[in-house]
Amino acid sequence: MNDRLALELLQEEGPLTAPQLKELTGLSRPSVADLVERLTGAGLIEVVGESGEQRRGPNAKLYGIVARRAYLAALDVRTDSATAVVADLLGRPLAQAALPVDAVEEAVDRLEELVREAGADRLHTVVIGAPGLVAPGTGELRDTAGLPAWHRDLVAAVQRRLPAVVVVENETNLAALAEQRVGAARDLDSFVLLWLGDGVGAAVVLDGRLRRGASGGAGEIGFLPVPGTGGLPSATNCDGGFHELTGRAGVAALAAAHGYRGPVEEAVAGAAGPAFLDALADRLALGAAAVAAILDPGCLVLGGELGRAGGPDLAARVARRLTTLSPVPTEVRAGDLGDTAVLTGARLAARESAQSVLFTA
């Protein structure tokens, strides 16, 4: 337990001296000395420099995690694109590239090339973020959202060809992890991330834990029946649901109705005018009210490309509209990470997964 605590401190705080480890852990000096010797012998930490403090005698040694002990990969797989990044055990990116789509074996070939470009011989952990339902426990990517077949084929090929731990996670859940660790939700234990991009999704974090639901379907808010669509969604098609109003195509149509036909991100950023933003906020508040009434998360984070483009202005408009629809107090924030959140979340998840294994071995 003491070893794990010290490793977590080195992850969170960066390199530390033995006296700093003593202060932060509350252990005695001999216990810290034994701990440092054990972790150094296990190849988990090493001397990475000196403290630089002026004192009598030599400067104190700085100890840090051996970042090259394991290498990780994170993949962001969209309906029409795929991006991979290779990182070290600290989660620091070393190499990144787009992967060919609809060409599964070539995509894995490119991933293996990326591993070599990063200076690694093999991967310890791979985390793949993909749209759609991911079954808890098995990690199976279910075909419930009309995804291209190559999504599932790519997951299977990575699992077959790479001698690594392969984890599959819903993309919006990974975006929520990123916003929670390094983004707009850093100070929150409970929140819902509303992903606004080509499609719309949600991720639920309550009491510090990501909630996936019994089948992995928690947050499939695009299927939520809402007024204003002229129809109802089906089990295999979210047209007629919240997606129709707030997905990219629906937002573009709303902007066009307000006389703006430029890029959707620019429309959401304010180019389409305040009347458009008010109308979009009205639409978003419908889903936000349902989330607040059922989950009472305390905060809604508008993520994805469009959530970030709307920024605090759109968030404030949604918050004002939400107060007229729901008695449940709910703060609304703009996400910090936008389109990069999925890949960042996958990289952080890979780091945490690998460290949980290596730090307890």
Protein backbone atom coordinates (compact mmCIF):
# COMPACT_ATOMS: atom_id res chain seq x y z
CA MET A 1 0.00 0.00 0.00
CA ASN A 2 2.86 2.37 0.78
CA ASP A 3 4.53 1.56 -2.53
CA ARG A 4 1.30 2.24 -4.43
CA LEU A 5 0.80 5.52 -2.54
CA ALA A 6 4.31 6.67 -3.42
CA LEU A 7 3.84 5.77 -7.09
CA GLU A 8 0.54 7.66 -7.22
CA LEU A 9 2.21 10.70 -5.68
CA LEU A 10 4.99 10.54 -8.26
CA GLN A 11 2.33 10.35 -10.99
CA GLU A 12 0.35 13.30 -9.65
CA GLU A 13 3.14 15.54 -8.39
CA GLY A 14 5.99 14.66 -10.73
CA PRO A 15 9.53 13.80 -9.56
CA LEU A 16 10.02 14.02 -5.77
CA THR A 17 12.92 13.76 -3.35
CA ALA A 18 13.02 11.24 -0.53
CA PRO A 19 12.30 14.01 2.05
CA GLN A 20 9.29 15.10 0.00
CA LEU A 21 8.04 11.51 -0.14
CA LYS A 22 8.49 11.30 3.63
CA GLU A 23 6.43 14.45 4.12
CA LEU A 24 3.65 13.48 1.71
CA THR A 25 3.32 9.84 2.84
CA GLY A 26 3.84 10.37 6.55
CA LEU A 27 6.30 7.47 6.62
CA SER A 28 9.53 7.42 8.59
CA ARG A 29 12.85 8.11 6.92
CA PRO A 30 13.96 4.44 7.07
CA SER A 31 10.60 3.33 5.60
CA VAL A 32 10.96 5.78 2.72
CA ALA A 33 14.53 4.59 2.12
CA ASP A 34 13.30 0.98 1.96
CA LEU A 35 10.43 2.00 -0.31
CA VAL A 36 12.74 3.82 -2.72
CA GLU A 37 15.09 0.84 -2.81
CA ARG A 38 12.22 -1.58 -3.54
CA LEU A 39 10.70 0.52 -6.31
CA THR A 40 14.10 1.19 -7.88
CA GLY A 41 14.93 -2.49 -7.80
CA ALA A 42 11.59 -3.30 -9.43
CA GLY A 43 12.38 -0.92 -12.27
CA LEU A 44 9.43 1.35 -11.49
CA ILE A 45 11.29 4.48 -10.41
CA GLU A 46 14.70 5.98 -11.13
CA VAL A 47 16.78 9.05 -10.38
CA VAL A 48 15.75 11.73 -12.88
CA GLY A 49 17.72 14.69 -11.54
CA GLU A 50 18.45 16.71 -8.44
CA SER A 51 16.29 19.05 -6.41
CA GLY A 52 18.45 22.07 -7.13
CA GLU A 53 18.03 23.32 -3.57
CA GLN A 54 21.08 24.94 -2.04
CA ARG A 55 22.10 23.08 1.06
CA ARG A 56 25.13 21.68 2.80
CA GLY A 57 26.37 18.63 1.00
CA PRO A 58 24.99 17.28 -2.28
CA ASN A 59 21.54 18.19 -3.59
CA ALA A 60 18.76 15.70 -2.95
CA LYS A 61 18.06 13.16 -5.67
CA LEU A 62 14.79 13.46 -7.54
CA TYR A 63 12.96 10.20 -8.15
CA GLY A 64 10.46 9.72 -10.97
CA ILE A 65 8.46 6.93 -12.57
CA VAL A 66 10.30 5.02 -15.30
CA ALA A 67 8.18 6.25 -18.20
CA ARG A 68 9.68 3.74 -20.67
CA ARG A 69 8.64 0.79 -18.49
CA ALA A 70 5.54 0.39 -20.67
CA TYR A 71 4.08 1.93 -23.80
CA LEU A 72 0.43 2.63 -24.46
CA ALA A 73 -1.80 3.40 -27.42
CA ALA A 74 -5.04 5.36 -27.62
CA LEU A 75 -7.40 5.24 -30.60
CA ASP A 76 -10.26 7.60 -31.45
CA VAL A 77 -12.45 5.78 -33.97
CA ARG A 78 -15.20 7.85 -35.61
CA THR A 79 -17.72 6.90 -38.29
CA ASP A 80 -15.38 8.15 -41.03
CA SER A 81 -11.95 8.54 -39.42
CA ALA A 82 -9.53 6.99 -36.95
CA THR A 83 -6.62 8.56 -35.07
CA ALA A 84 -4.01 6.85 -32.89
CA VAL A 85 -1.45 8.14 -30.42
CA VAL A 86 1.34 6.18 -28.72
CA ALA A 87 2.36 7.32 -25.22
CA ASP A 88 4.70 6.29 -22.43
CA LEU A 89 3.67 5.02 -18.99
CA LEU A 90 3.15 8.60 -17.80
CA GLY A 91 0.68 9.12 -20.62
CA ARG A 92 2.91 11.56 -22.48
CA PRO A 93 2.27 11.44 -26.26
CA LEU A 94 5.23 10.22 -28.31
CA ALA A 95 3.78 9.73 -31.81
CA GLN A 96 0.41 10.37 -33.43
CA ALA A 97 -1.12 9.65 -36.85
CA ALA A 98 -4.37 9.13 -38.72
CA LEU A 99 -5.18 5.51 -39.56
CA PRO A 100 -6.71 4.43 -42.86
CA VAL A 101 -10.43 3.73 -42.59
CA ASP A 102 -12.26 0.80 -44.13
CA ALA A 103 -8.85 -0.91 -44.46
CA VAL A 104 -8.48 -2.80 -41.23
CA GLU A 105 -5.19 -4.66 -41.72
CA GLU A 106 -3.55 -1.54 -43.15
CA ALA A 107 -4.75 0.40 -40.10
CA VAL A 108 -3.11 -2.07 -37.72
CA ASP A 109 0.05 -1.99 -39.88
CA ARG A 110 0.13 1.80 -39.45
CA LEU A 111 -0.38 1.45 -35.71
CA GLU A 112 2.58 -0.94 -35.51
CA GLU A 113 4.68 1.57 -37.47
CA LEU A 114 3.62 4.26 -35.02
CA VAL A 115 4.81 2.10 -32.12
CA ARG A 116 8.23 1.82 -33.73
CA GLU A 117 8.32 5.56 -34.44
CA ALA A 118 7.75 6.14 -30.72
CA GLY A 119 10.82 4.04 -29.93
CA ALA A 120 8.86 1.16 -28.40
CA ASP A 121 9.11 -2.55 -29.12
CA ARG A 122 5.60 -3.45 -28.00
CA LEU A 123 2.47 -2.06 -26.35
CA HIS A 124 1.26 -2.86 -22.87
CA THR A 125 -2.27 -1.41 -23.13
CA VAL A 126 -4.47 -0.14 -25.95
CA VAL A 127 -7.68 1.82 -25.32
CA ILE A 128 -10.09 2.28 -28.23
CA GLY A 129 -12.80 4.93 -28.09
CA ALA A 130 -15.70 4.23 -30.47
CA PRO A 131 -19.29 5.37 -30.93
CA GLY A 132 -22.12 3.01 -30.05
CA LEU A 133 -22.92 0.70 -27.17
CA VAL A 134 -20.03 -1.10 -25.47
CA ALA A 135 -21.16 -4.04 -23.36
CA PRO A 136 -19.84 -3.80 -19.78
CA GLY A 137 -17.54 -6.64 -18.82
CA THR A 138 -16.95 -8.02 -22.34
CA GLY A 139 -16.10 -4.76 -24.11
CA GLU A 140 -18.06 -5.91 -27.14
CA LEU A 141 -18.94 -3.08 -29.54
CA ARG A 142 -22.61 -3.62 -30.37
CA ASP A 143 -24.09 -2.77 -33.76
CA THR A 144 -26.92 -0.54 -32.55
CA ALA A 145 -26.20 2.78 -34.22
CA GLY A 146 -25.66 1.84 -37.87
CA LEU A 147 -21.88 1.92 -37.55
CA PRO A 148 -19.66 0.77 -40.43
CA ALA A 149 -18.57 -2.86 -40.12
CA TRP A 150 -14.90 -1.86 -40.11
CA HIS A 151 -15.29 -0.47 -36.58
CA ARG A 152 -15.82 -3.93 -35.12
CA ASP A 153 -13.31 -5.46 -37.53
CA LEU A 154 -10.66 -2.99 -36.40
CA VAL A 155 -11.22 -3.83 -32.75
CA ALA A 156 -10.97 -7.55 -33.52
CA ALA A 157 -7.80 -7.05 -35.60
CA VAL A 158 -6.07 -5.04 -32.85
CA GLN A 159 -6.98 -7.73 -30.32
CA ARG A 160 -5.74 -10.47 -32.63
CA ARG A 161 -2.49 -8.94 -33.82
CA LEU A 162 -1.15 -6.96 -30.87
CA PRO A 163 0.18 -8.68 -27.73
CA ALA A 164 -1.41 -6.09 -25.48
CA VAL A 165 -4.36 -5.53 -23.18
CA VAL A 166 -7.08 -4.05 -25.42
CA VAL A 167 -9.92 -2.07 -23.84
CA VAL A 168 -12.92 -0.73 -25.78
CA GLU A 169 -14.89 2.20 -24.38
CA ASN A 170 -17.66 4.45 -25.62
CA GLU A 171 -16.19 7.67 -27.02
CA THR A 172 -18.38 9.99 -24.94
CA ASN A 173 -17.39 8.19 -21.75
CA LEU A 174 -13.74 8.80 -22.61
CA ALA A 175 -14.45 12.45 -23.32
CA ALA A 176 -16.03 12.73 -19.87
CA LEU A 177 -12.94 11.14 -18.30
CA ALA A 178 -10.77 13.74 -20.03
CA GLU A 179 -12.93 16.66 -18.92
CA GLN A 180 -12.92 15.25 -15.38
CA ARG A 181 -9.16 14.79 -15.22
CA VAL A 182 -7.83 17.77 -17.15
CA GLY A 183 -10.82 19.79 -18.40
CA ALA A 184 -13.91 21.68 -17.34
CA ALA A 185 -15.04 19.14 -14.70
CA ARG A 186 -11.81 18.94 -12.69
CA ASP A 187 -13.54 20.15 -9.52
CA LEU A 188 -16.66 17.97 -9.86
CA ASP A 189 -17.59 14.55 -8.49
CA SER A 190 -20.93 14.47 -10.33
CA PHE A 191 -21.76 15.83 -13.79
CA VAL A 192 -23.16 14.83 -17.17
CA LEU A 193 -21.17 15.49 -20.32
CA LEU A 194 -23.38 16.30 -23.30
CA TRP A 195 -21.35 15.56 -26.44
CA LEU A 196 -22.28 17.78 -29.38
CA GLY A 197 -20.73 16.84 -32.70
CA ASP A 198 -21.86 14.92 -35.74
CA GLY A 199 -24.15 13.12 -33.33
CA VAL A 200 -25.17 13.73 -29.75
CA GLY A 201 -24.41 11.58 -26.71
CA ALA A 202 -24.05 11.84 -22.97
CA ALA A 203 -21.77 10.42 -20.30
CA VAL A 204 -22.90 10.13 -16.69
CA VAL A 205 -20.47 10.61 -13.80
CA LEU A 206 -22.02 10.37 -10.33
CA ASP A 207 -20.11 10.44 -7.03
CA GLY A 208 -16.84 10.24 -8.96
CA ARG A 209 -17.80 7.10 -10.89
CA LEU A 210 -18.65 6.68 -14.55
CA ARG A 211 -22.07 5.02 -14.85
CA ARG A 212 -22.46 2.79 -17.91
CA GLY A 213 -25.83 1.20 -17.17
CA ALA A 214 -26.79 -2.48 -17.26
CA SER A 215 -26.15 -2.86 -20.99
CA GLY A 216 -23.68 -0.01 -21.54
CA GLY A 217 -26.45 2.22 -22.84
CA ALA A 218 -26.44 4.95 -20.19
CA GLY A 219 -26.16 8.27 -21.99
CA GLU A 220 -27.69 7.28 -25.35
CA ILE A 221 -29.54 10.58 -25.25
CA GLY A 222 -29.81 10.85 -29.02
CA PHE A 223 -32.73 8.39 -28.79
CA LEU A 224 -34.57 10.55 -26.26
CA PRO A 225 -38.07 11.39 -27.59
CA VAL A 226 -38.53 15.17 -27.57
CA PRO A 227 -41.10 17.60 -28.97
CA GLY A 228 -40.34 19.38 -32.22
CA THR A 229 -39.09 16.48 -34.35
CA GLY A 230 -42.37 15.45 -35.96
CA GLY A 231 -41.80 11.79 -35.18
CA LEU A 232 -40.32 9.26 -32.78
CA PRO A 233 -37.00 7.44 -32.74
CA SER A 234 -36.81 3.67 -33.17
CA ALA A 235 -34.60 1.05 -31.57
CA THR A 236 -32.18 1.29 -34.52
CA ASN A 237 -32.58 4.90 -35.67
CA CYS A 238 -32.35 8.04 -33.55
CA ASP A 239 -34.04 10.23 -36.17
CA GLY A 240 -37.07 11.66 -34.44
CA GLY A 241 -35.16 11.84 -31.16
CA PHE A 242 -32.94 14.45 -29.50
CA HIS A 243 -30.28 13.69 -32.14
CA GLU A 244 -32.48 15.16 -34.87
CA LEU A 245 -32.55 18.53 -33.10
CA THR A 246 -28.99 18.77 -31.80
CA GLY A 247 -26.77 16.67 -34.09
CA ARG A 248 -24.64 18.54 -36.63
CA ALA A 249 -27.17 18.23 -39.45
CA GLY A 250 -30.01 19.52 -37.28
CA VAL A 251 -27.93 22.43 -36.02
CA ALA A 252 -26.89 23.30 -39.58
CA ALA A 253 -30.55 23.31 -40.67
CA LEU A 254 -31.44 25.57 -37.75
CA ALA A 255 -28.65 27.98 -38.70
CA ALA A 256 -29.86 28.00 -42.31
CA ALA A 257 -33.37 28.83 -41.11
CA HIS A 258 -31.81 31.88 -39.45
CA GLY A 259 -30.11 32.91 -42.69
CA TYR A 260 -26.64 31.46 -42.01
CA ARG A 261 -25.13 28.76 -44.25
CA GLY A 262 -21.48 28.85 -43.23
CA PRO A 263 -19.55 26.32 -41.11
CA VAL A 264 -21.58 24.96 -38.21
CA GLU A 265 -18.84 25.65 -35.64
CA GLU A 266 -18.83 29.30 -36.67
CA ALA A 267 -22.61 29.46 -36.40
CA VAL A 268 -22.48 28.06 -32.86
CA ALA A 269 -19.63 30.43 -32.01
CA GLY A 270 -21.94 33.37 -32.72
CA ALA A 271 -21.76 34.01 -36.46
CA ALA A 272 -25.42 33.06 -36.96
CA GLY A 273 -26.60 35.65 -34.45
CA PRO A 274 -28.22 35.68 -31.02
CA ALA A 275 -31.65 34.51 -32.24
CA PHE A 276 -30.07 31.30 -33.57
CA LEU A 277 -28.20 30.74 -30.30
CA ASP A 278 -31.41 31.21 -28.32
CA ALA A 279 -33.20 28.69 -30.54
CA LEU A 280 -30.33 26.20 -30.19
CA ALA A 281 -30.31 26.72 -26.42
CA ASP A 282 -34.05 25.95 -26.37
CA ARG A 283 -33.35 22.64 -28.10
CA LEU A 284 -30.44 21.71 -25.84
CA ALA A 285 -32.46 22.58 -22.75
CA LEU A 286 -34.99 19.86 -23.64
CA GLY A 287 -32.38 17.14 -23.18
CA ALA A 288 -30.80 18.95 -20.24
CA ALA A 289 -34.14 19.08 -18.44
CA ALA A 290 -34.59 15.32 -18.82
CA VAL A 291 -31.08 14.74 -17.48
CA ALA A 292 -31.68 17.04 -14.52
CA ALA A 293 -35.05 15.52 -13.64
CA ILE A 294 -33.78 11.93 -13.67
CA LEU A 295 -30.16 12.20 -12.48
CA ASP A 296 -29.81 15.57 -10.70
CA PRO A 297 -26.07 15.69 -11.54
CA GLY A 298 -25.64 19.31 -10.49
CA CYS A 299 -23.69 20.23 -13.62
CA LEU A 300 -23.98 19.74 -17.36
CA VAL A 301 -20.82 20.10 -19.46
CA LEU A 302 -21.31 20.92 -23.15
CA GLY A 303 -18.55 18.97 -24.87
CA GLY A 304 -17.55 18.02 -28.38
CA GLU A 305 -16.72 20.33 -31.26
CA LEU A 306 -19.97 22.26 -31.06
CA GLY A 307 -20.04 22.50 -27.27
CA ARG A 308 -16.59 24.02 -27.23
CA ALA A 309 -17.43 26.32 -30.15
CA GLY A 310 -20.49 27.65 -28.27
CA GLY A 311 -18.35 28.38 -25.24
CA PRO A 312 -19.64 30.17 -22.13
CA ASP A 313 -22.20 32.16 -24.16
CA LEU A 314 -24.12 29.08 -25.31
CA ALA A 315 -23.72 27.46 -21.88
CA ALA A 316 -25.24 30.52 -20.21
CA ARG A 317 -28.19 30.53 -22.61
CA VAL A 318 -28.87 26.84 -21.96
CA ALA A 319 -28.65 27.44 -18.21
CA ARG A 320 -31.17 30.28 -18.36
CA ARG A 321 -33.62 28.23 -20.43
CA LEU A 322 -33.14 25.24 -18.15
CA THR A 323 -34.29 27.21 -15.11
CA THR A 324 -37.70 27.62 -16.77
CA LEU A 325 -38.05 23.89 -17.49
CA SER A 326 -36.71 22.20 -14.36
CA PRO A 327 -36.85 22.88 -10.60
CA VAL A 328 -33.53 21.03 -10.19
CA PRO A 329 -30.57 23.47 -9.92
CA THR A 330 -28.13 22.59 -12.69
CA GLU A 331 -25.00 24.51 -13.63
CA VAL A 332 -24.06 24.48 -17.32
CA ARG A 333 -20.42 24.75 -18.40
CA ALA A 334 -18.64 24.76 -21.74
CA GLY A 335 -16.17 21.91 -22.18
CA ASP A 336 -12.48 22.76 -22.37
CA LEU A 337 -11.23 20.03 -24.72
CA GLY A 338 -13.64 19.91 -27.66
CA ASP A 339 -12.76 17.44 -30.40
CA THR A 340 -9.54 16.30 -28.67
CA ALA A 341 -11.37 14.97 -25.61
CA VAL A 342 -11.88 11.40 -26.86
CA LEU A 343 -8.23 10.80 -27.71
CA THR A 344 -7.12 12.49 -24.49
CA GLY A 345 -9.54 10.35 -22.49
CA ALA A 346 -8.35 7.17 -24.20
CA ARG A 347 -4.74 8.06 -23.42
CA LEU A 348 -5.57 8.75 -19.76
CA ALA A 349 -7.58 5.53 -19.50
CA ALA A 350 -4.68 3.55 -20.98
CA ARG A 351 -2.29 5.11 -18.47
CA GLU A 352 -4.54 4.31 -15.52
CA SER A 353 -5.16 0.75 -16.72
CA ALA A 354 -1.46 0.01 -17.23
CA GLN A 355 -0.43 1.58 -13.96
CA SER A 356 -3.06 -0.37 -12.04
CA VAL A 357 -1.39 -3.56 -13.26
CA LEU A 358 2.26 -2.56 -13.04
CA PHE A 359 2.01 -0.72 -9.74
CA THR A 360 0.49 -3.75 -7.97
CA ALA A 361 2.62 -6.45 -9.59
